[in-house]
Protein backbone atom coordinates (compact mmCIF):
# COMPACT_ATOMS: atom_id res chain seq x y z
CA UNK A 1 -21.06 -165.57 15.36
CA UNK A 2 -21.62 -168.10 12.55
CA UNK A 3 -19.63 -171.33 12.20
CA UNK A 4 -18.30 -170.11 8.86
CA UNK A 5 -17.02 -166.84 10.30
CA UNK A 6 -15.47 -168.63 13.29
CA UNK A 7 -13.55 -171.02 11.04
CA UNK A 8 -12.17 -168.19 8.91
CA UNK A 9 -11.33 -166.11 11.98
CA UNK A 10 -9.41 -168.93 13.66
CA UNK A 11 -7.49 -169.74 10.47
CA UNK A 12 -6.67 -166.08 9.89
CA UNK A 13 -5.43 -165.62 13.46
CA UNK A 14 -3.28 -168.77 13.29
CA UNK A 15 -1.63 -167.71 10.04
CA UNK A 16 -1.27 -164.12 11.23
CA UNK A 17 0.78 -165.47 14.13
CA UNK A 18 2.88 -167.57 11.75
CA UNK A 19 3.40 -164.55 9.50
CA UNK A 20 4.64 -162.40 12.37
CA UNK A 21 6.87 -165.18 13.68
CA UNK A 22 8.97 -165.16 10.50
CA UNK A 23 10.39 -161.81 11.63
CA UNK A 24 10.66 -162.69 15.31
CA UNK A 25 11.95 -166.28 15.28
CA UNK A 26 15.12 -165.52 13.30
CA UNK A 27 16.47 -163.47 16.24
CA UNK A 28 16.27 -166.48 18.56
CA UNK A 29 16.97 -169.53 16.38
CA UNK A 30 19.75 -170.51 15.84
CA UNK A 31 21.66 -167.62 17.46
CA UNK A 32 20.61 -168.42 21.04
CA UNK A 33 18.87 -171.79 20.74
CA UNK A 34 19.55 -174.59 18.29
CA UNK A 35 16.53 -175.74 16.22
CA UNK A 36 15.75 -178.99 18.04
CA UNK A 37 16.25 -177.36 21.44
CA UNK A 38 13.68 -174.73 20.46
CA UNK A 39 11.22 -177.46 19.47
CA UNK A 40 11.58 -179.12 22.88
CA UNK A 41 10.71 -175.82 24.57
CA UNK A 42 7.78 -175.13 22.24
CA UNK A 43 6.22 -178.57 22.54
CA UNK A 44 6.84 -178.98 26.29
CA UNK A 45 5.38 -175.62 27.34
CA UNK A 46 2.42 -175.93 24.96
CA UNK A 47 1.70 -179.45 26.22
CA UNK A 48 1.54 -178.17 29.80
CA UNK A 49 -0.84 -175.39 28.75
CA UNK A 50 -3.10 -177.79 26.85
CA UNK A 51 -3.12 -180.19 29.82
CA UNK A 52 -4.14 -177.39 32.19
CA UNK A 53 -6.91 -176.11 29.93
CA UNK A 54 -8.24 -179.62 29.32
CA UNK A 55 -8.12 -180.60 32.99
CA UNK A 56 -10.04 -177.56 34.21
CA UNK A 57 -12.49 -176.96 31.37
CA UNK A 58 -13.00 -180.10 29.26
CA UNK A 59 -12.25 -183.33 31.17
CA UNK A 60 -13.17 -185.54 28.23
CA UNK A 61 -11.87 -189.08 27.83
CA UNK A 62 -10.92 -190.78 24.58
CA UNK A 63 -11.62 -194.28 23.33
CA UNK A 64 -8.73 -196.73 23.24
CA UNK A 65 -9.38 -197.50 19.56
CA UNK A 66 -8.57 -193.86 18.65
CA UNK A 67 -5.14 -193.84 20.30
CA UNK A 68 -3.25 -195.10 17.18
CA UNK A 69 -4.71 -192.26 15.11
CA UNK A 70 -3.80 -189.72 17.80
CA UNK A 71 -0.24 -191.12 17.87
CA UNK A 72 -0.07 -190.66 14.09
CA UNK A 73 -1.33 -187.07 14.47
CA UNK A 74 1.36 -186.38 17.07
CA UNK A 75 4.02 -187.87 14.82
CA UNK A 76 3.03 -186.06 11.60
CA UNK A 77 1.51 -182.89 13.04
CA UNK A 78 4.01 -182.07 15.79
CA UNK A 79 7.22 -184.13 15.67
CA UNK A 80 7.96 -184.43 11.94
CA UNK A 81 6.29 -181.10 11.11
CA UNK A 82 8.32 -179.03 13.55
CA UNK A 83 11.61 -180.93 13.70
CA UNK A 84 12.14 -181.22 9.95
CA UNK A 85 11.03 -177.67 9.18
CA UNK A 86 13.49 -176.13 11.62
CA UNK A 87 16.23 -178.56 10.58
CA UNK A 88 15.58 -177.87 6.91
CA UNK A 89 15.48 -174.11 7.42
CA UNK A 90 18.91 -174.24 9.07
CA UNK A 91 20.35 -175.80 5.90
CA UNK A 92 18.35 -174.24 3.08
CA UNK A 93 17.18 -170.65 2.58
CA UNK A 94 13.90 -169.05 3.76
CA UNK A 95 12.82 -168.45 0.15
CA UNK A 96 13.36 -172.12 -0.73
CA UNK A 97 11.32 -173.15 2.31
CA UNK A 98 8.51 -170.76 1.38
CA UNK A 99 8.40 -172.10 -2.18
CA UNK A 100 8.32 -175.73 -1.06
CA UNK A 101 5.58 -175.07 1.50
CA UNK A 102 3.24 -174.02 -1.34
CA UNK A 103 2.85 -177.76 -2.05
CA UNK A 104 1.02 -178.38 1.25
CA UNK A 105 -2.49 -177.32 0.08
CA UNK A 106 -2.11 -179.45 -3.06
CA UNK A 107 -1.17 -182.52 -1.03
CA UNK A 108 -4.04 -181.84 1.39
CA UNK A 109 -6.59 -181.65 -1.44
CA UNK A 110 -5.30 -184.83 -3.11
CA UNK A 111 -5.24 -186.82 0.14
CA UNK A 112 -8.69 -185.57 1.16
CA UNK A 113 -10.06 -186.59 -2.23
CA UNK A 114 -8.46 -190.03 -2.12
CA UNK A 115 -9.79 -190.66 1.39
CA UNK A 116 -13.17 -189.22 0.35
CA UNK A 117 -13.11 -186.76 3.26
CA UNK A 118 -14.10 -183.90 0.96
CA UNK A 119 -15.01 -183.31 -2.66
CA UNK A 120 -12.39 -182.03 -5.07
CA UNK A 121 -14.37 -179.35 -6.90
CA UNK A 122 -13.23 -177.21 -9.86
CA UNK A 123 -13.49 -174.11 -7.65
CA UNK A 124 -11.11 -175.60 -5.08
CA UNK A 125 -8.59 -176.53 -7.77
CA UNK A 126 -8.80 -173.06 -9.34
CA UNK A 127 -8.56 -171.42 -5.92
CA UNK A 128 -5.43 -173.35 -4.98
CA UNK A 129 -3.80 -172.55 -8.33
CA UNK A 130 -4.59 -168.83 -7.95
CA UNK A 131 -3.31 -168.93 -4.37
CA UNK A 132 -0.08 -170.58 -5.52
CA UNK A 133 0.43 -167.80 -8.07
CA UNK A 134 -0.03 -165.14 -5.41
CA UNK A 135 2.28 -166.89 -2.94
CA UNK A 136 4.96 -167.35 -5.59
CA UNK A 137 4.77 -163.72 -6.70
CA UNK A 138 5.10 -162.27 -3.21
CA UNK A 139 7.81 -164.79 -2.26
CA UNK A 140 10.15 -164.70 -5.25
CA UNK A 141 9.62 -161.32 -6.93
CA UNK A 142 12.89 -159.44 -7.11
CA UNK A 143 14.80 -162.21 -5.35
CA UNK A 144 17.38 -164.61 -6.68
CA UNK A 145 16.55 -168.31 -6.52
CA UNK A 146 19.34 -170.83 -6.87
CA UNK A 147 18.88 -174.48 -6.00
CA UNK A 148 22.16 -176.30 -5.43
CA UNK A 149 23.68 -179.27 -3.66
CA UNK A 150 24.37 -177.09 -0.61
CA UNK A 151 20.65 -176.57 0.01
CA UNK A 152 19.38 -179.90 -1.34
CA UNK A 153 19.32 -181.68 2.03
CA UNK A 154 17.44 -178.81 3.65
CA UNK A 155 15.00 -178.65 0.73
CA UNK A 156 14.23 -182.36 1.19
CA UNK A 157 13.59 -181.86 4.91
CA UNK A 158 11.19 -179.00 4.22
CA UNK A 159 9.42 -181.03 1.53
CA UNK A 160 8.89 -183.91 3.98
CA UNK A 161 7.67 -181.39 6.53
CA UNK A 162 5.14 -179.97 4.04
CA UNK A 163 3.83 -183.45 3.24
CA UNK A 164 3.75 -184.35 6.94
CA UNK A 165 1.63 -181.32 7.85
CA UNK A 166 -0.72 -182.11 4.97
CA UNK A 167 -1.15 -185.65 6.27
CA UNK A 168 -1.88 -184.27 9.75
CA UNK A 169 -4.60 -181.90 8.49
CA UNK A 170 -6.35 -184.80 6.75
CA UNK A 171 -6.07 -187.55 9.39
CA UNK A 172 -7.03 -185.34 12.34
CA UNK A 173 -10.36 -184.37 10.71
CA UNK A 174 -12.26 -187.63 11.55
CA UNK A 175 -11.48 -187.12 15.23
CA UNK A 176 -13.29 -183.78 15.14
CA UNK A 177 -16.61 -185.62 14.89
CA UNK A 178 -15.96 -187.47 18.14
CA UNK A 179 -14.14 -185.19 20.56
CA UNK A 180 -13.68 -181.60 21.64
CA UNK A 181 -10.79 -179.91 19.75
CA UNK A 182 -8.85 -179.29 22.96
CA UNK A 183 -9.09 -182.97 23.87
CA UNK A 184 -7.58 -183.84 20.49
CA UNK A 185 -4.78 -181.28 20.57
CA UNK A 186 -3.83 -182.29 24.12
CA UNK A 187 -3.25 -185.88 23.05
CA UNK A 188 -1.60 -184.83 19.78
CA UNK A 189 0.95 -182.77 21.71
CA UNK A 190 1.46 -185.49 24.31
CA UNK A 191 2.42 -188.05 21.68
CA UNK A 192 4.35 -185.43 19.72
CA UNK A 193 6.32 -184.58 22.88
CA UNK A 194 7.26 -188.26 23.29
CA UNK A 195 8.75 -188.28 19.78
CA UNK A 196 10.45 -184.88 20.12
CA UNK A 197 12.22 -185.28 23.46
CA UNK A 198 14.82 -187.94 22.48
CA UNK A 199 15.72 -185.97 19.35
CA UNK A 200 15.99 -182.52 20.88
CA UNK A 201 17.19 -183.19 24.43
CA UNK A 202 20.91 -182.62 23.78
CA UNK A 203 20.35 -179.25 22.13
CA UNK A 204 17.92 -178.24 24.87
CA UNK A 205 20.38 -179.25 27.57
CA UNK A 206 23.14 -177.15 25.97
CA UNK A 207 21.16 -173.86 26.01
CA UNK A 208 23.00 -171.02 27.76
CA UNK A 209 20.06 -169.36 29.50
CA UNK A 210 22.28 -166.64 31.04
CA UNK A 211 23.02 -165.24 27.57
CA UNK A 212 19.38 -164.25 27.00
CA UNK A 213 18.62 -160.54 26.98
CA UNK A 214 15.12 -159.32 27.96
CA UNK A 215 14.19 -158.92 24.27
CA UNK A 216 15.19 -162.52 23.53
CA UNK A 217 13.02 -163.73 26.41
CA UNK A 218 10.07 -161.77 24.98
CA UNK A 219 10.64 -163.19 21.51
CA UNK A 220 11.01 -166.74 22.84
CA UNK A 221 7.77 -166.30 24.79
CA UNK A 222 6.01 -165.26 21.58
CA UNK A 223 7.39 -168.28 19.71
CA UNK A 224 6.21 -170.66 22.45
CA UNK A 225 2.90 -169.12 23.55
CA UNK A 226 1.65 -167.61 20.30
CA UNK A 227 3.31 -169.53 17.46
CA UNK A 228 2.86 -172.93 19.09
CA UNK A 229 0.06 -172.94 21.68
CA UNK A 230 -2.38 -170.44 20.17
CA UNK A 231 -1.61 -171.20 16.50
CA UNK A 232 -2.22 -174.94 16.95
CA UNK A 233 -5.29 -174.21 19.07
CA UNK A 234 -6.78 -171.87 16.46
CA UNK A 235 -6.11 -174.38 13.66
CA UNK A 236 -7.75 -177.27 15.51
CA UNK A 237 -10.77 -175.11 16.43
CA UNK A 238 -11.14 -174.10 12.77
CA UNK A 239 -11.02 -177.71 11.58
CA UNK A 240 -14.16 -178.40 13.61
CA UNK A 241 -16.18 -176.69 10.86
CA UNK A 242 -13.77 -176.40 7.90
CA UNK A 243 -12.43 -178.80 5.32
CA UNK A 244 -8.69 -179.60 5.47
CA UNK A 245 -8.20 -177.94 2.07
CA UNK A 246 -9.35 -174.59 3.48
CA UNK A 247 -6.91 -174.87 6.38
CA UNK A 248 -4.22 -175.79 3.87
CA UNK A 249 -4.68 -172.86 1.50
CA UNK A 250 -4.59 -170.39 4.39
CA UNK A 251 -0.85 -171.16 4.44
CA UNK A 252 -0.62 -168.92 1.37
CA UNK A 253 -1.58 -165.82 3.34
CA UNK A 254 1.46 -166.20 5.63
CA UNK A 255 3.94 -164.47 3.26
CA UNK A 256 1.37 -161.72 2.60
CA UNK A 257 0.88 -161.12 6.33
CA UNK A 258 4.64 -161.34 6.93
CA UNK A 259 5.13 -158.65 4.27
CA UNK A 260 2.49 -156.40 5.85
CA UNK A 261 4.07 -156.85 9.28
CA UNK A 262 7.53 -156.07 7.87
CA UNK A 263 6.13 -152.90 6.24
CA UNK A 264 4.63 -151.79 9.56
CA UNK A 265 8.08 -152.14 11.09
CA UNK A 266 9.60 -150.16 8.23
CA UNK A 267 11.54 -153.18 6.94
CA UNK A 268 9.69 -153.50 3.62
CA UNK A 269 7.91 -151.30 1.09
CA UNK A 270 4.51 -151.61 -0.56
CA UNK A 271 4.49 -152.04 -4.34
CA UNK A 272 2.00 -152.78 -7.08
CA UNK A 273 3.28 -156.35 -7.50
CA UNK A 274 2.76 -157.05 -3.78
CA UNK A 275 -0.78 -155.69 -3.93
CA UNK A 276 -1.46 -157.97 -6.93
CA UNK A 277 -0.01 -160.96 -5.07
CA UNK A 278 -2.21 -160.30 -2.02
CA UNK A 279 -5.30 -160.01 -4.22
CA UNK A 280 -4.48 -163.37 -5.83
CA UNK A 281 -3.91 -165.03 -2.46
CA UNK A 282 -7.15 -163.84 -0.88
CA UNK A 283 -9.09 -164.65 -4.06
CA UNK A 284 -7.75 -168.19 -3.91
CA UNK A 285 -8.75 -168.51 -0.26
CA UNK A 286 -12.26 -167.29 -1.08
CA UNK A 287 -12.73 -169.78 -3.94
CA UNK A 288 -11.58 -172.71 -1.81
CA UNK A 289 -13.85 -171.60 1.04
CA UNK A 290 -17.00 -171.74 -1.11
CA UNK A 291 -19.02 -174.74 0.05
CA UNK A 292 -16.04 -175.91 2.13
CA UNK A 293 -17.50 -174.94 5.52
CA UNK A 294 -19.68 -177.69 6.90
CA UNK A 295 -22.43 -177.52 9.44
CA UNK A 296 -21.68 -179.38 12.69
CA UNK A 297 -22.20 -183.08 12.22
CA UNK A 298 -24.66 -184.69 14.58
CA UNK A 299 -22.76 -187.01 16.88
CA UNK A 300 -23.89 -190.59 16.63
CA UNK A 301 -24.50 -192.73 19.65
CA UNK A 302 -21.90 -195.12 18.31
CA UNK A 303 -19.26 -192.43 18.66
CA UNK A 304 -19.78 -192.17 22.37
């Protein structure tokens, strides 16, 4: 299996999980668990899983000089990313959140260019613009959009979340040249957990576990194991051989996959406009992916 195919496969699987979770998560949060309480569960369980996998299969140590960057990754990639998205979603509407999240790939490309981590090519710009068009079409077509003061606070939270995740995708990339992806994600979740616990402890402590039906337990397990552990794992494995901009634009396929999943469940219908939107999204992903996959970089002795 080529490095290019692996990167695309991991990104597709991660965003497939996210797409499915849109339908599943709304049954659990906030009806049974408040947003911050859910984040505590997600981060805590995933951290334990990453620690177990790293302990038994990787056993790699990190350099002390890289700890500040790992702390930043935990702050932007786990704490701010998850806390503010769930908080924002509880105040604003799902369609507002989806619209605002389309800014993430743009921020990723700009930051990557400024930090000279990757080249901003015309194809990448065109691909992101085409992807935005597809994401907007499938998100807003036939739906009413109304921004108001009642959703403004939530919109701001989601915007900060989008920028935070973009920062994470860019700053975690240099670490990929030094360490195994599981080593990185273990430390990212450890520091993220430290930030999350003080914020979410009260909501976690107030959870009424006895009110959970078997279906809620299944859905919560999916949110924790799939949407957090496997999705973050797949993303970090993909970043080993992919530019941050490619990981960013894959966000656009989430509404397309969510629509397909909803149609399979009989909760949505296929239409010509949705087919057009999906074509635009996957065309955008393809254009950004051209020359964006890198061959593994030879580790320098100075890195070890």
